[in-house]
Amino acid sequence: MTTQLLNTLFVQTQGAYLRLDHETLRIEAPDEDGEKELKLRIPLHHLGGVVVFGNVLLSPYLLGQCARDGREVVWCSRSGRFQGRLAGPVSGNVLLRRAQHLALSDPAITLELARQFVLGKVRGARTVLKRALREDTGDAATLEAAVGAHDEAIYRLRGADSVETVRGEEGQAAAVYFAVFHHLIGPIDFRFDGRNRRPPRDPVNAALSFVYTLVRGDCAAALESVGLDPQVGYLHVLRPGRPALALDLMEEFRAWWADRLVLTLINRKQLGLQHFEARPGGAVYLSETGRKEVLTAYQKRKQETVRHRLFKEAVPVGLLPFVQARLLARHLRGDLDAYPPFRAR
């Protein structure tokens, strides 16, 4: 299954081979008789990125051209878990990257940035819960208590005096949020007994993990586009290969963007249990058709527009990570007094 959404090509067809023919990308895959068959042909300059799932091969010439053009190639497992990506030569402003590293060495700046990322996350979760209250989708008293707990967390976060305290508040708020998350799910055949991952063990967690992967990829791309290093973060602990800053940035989008999308797909029955596969050992993943449903909805969501408190014009959802990355860069350069996390309405 091959899908082109906006300027990104998603290839899920197992055994597919992608190669470059002059300036055209050709996708070939075995037919029923095992013979190679042309499935799709796309001018390469139409594509801004390629995402492949599982057993999909790309020719060295295609990879080289993508690297030279700065076109991102992302590899995911067949179940949709991020595995790696190809990026072109490092670009960006070296002075900005130096400012990013210096900020990490300043405990006050690190604390304030971590606080703002978590405030964005907790406010987003509170927005999702308040919307559920308005739509009367669950036990009102339980949801009101959860909203109150988030209000208290926001109050305490303002006075947090260490990054460890900020992380603790984030963990407590997330525990409250996911303890009532099942109230937001309509269909009774979807159970949710708490957040689990690596691997996800139920369909709701499988869908959440998949969409989080998509959002994290968009945040990493946005940070790189403004010249920031996605691995140097302030809230998440630095580890080799870990995109700490991308994880920081996506916090403000988790509930409002990713969770809301999953809830919408399930509650509108666009996703059913038939879109998931159980694996040996208890893992549950989206099936190929399930991933297509989610990818299509995700790309449509990115085209919708929302109000941003700093701009008069509405902003496409897909550009929000880029807007926030630019605001973060301006703050690190000293052009903006404080980093303003995105606030969903």
Foldseek 3Di string as FASTA:
>chain_A
DWDQFQQEIEELDAQWEWEDDPQKIWIWHADPVGDIDTDDIGRNVSHQEYEYEAHYYYDPVVLVVCQVVQRKYWYYYSLQHGDDMHGHDQDADVVLQVLLVVLLVDQVSLLQLLLQLLLLLLLLLLVLLVVCLVVVQFDNVLSVVLNVLSVVLNVVSVVDDGLVVSVVSSVVNQQSSQCCVVSLAHDPVFDRRGADPPPDQGDLNQQLNNLLNVQLVLLCVLLSVNNYQQQRHRNDDHDVPDSRNSVSQCSSVSRNPRVVLSRVCRNVVVDDPVQWDADPPRGIGGHPVRVVSSVVSNSVQQQDWDDWPVDPDTHRNSCLSNVQSVLVSCVSVVNDVHRHRTRHD
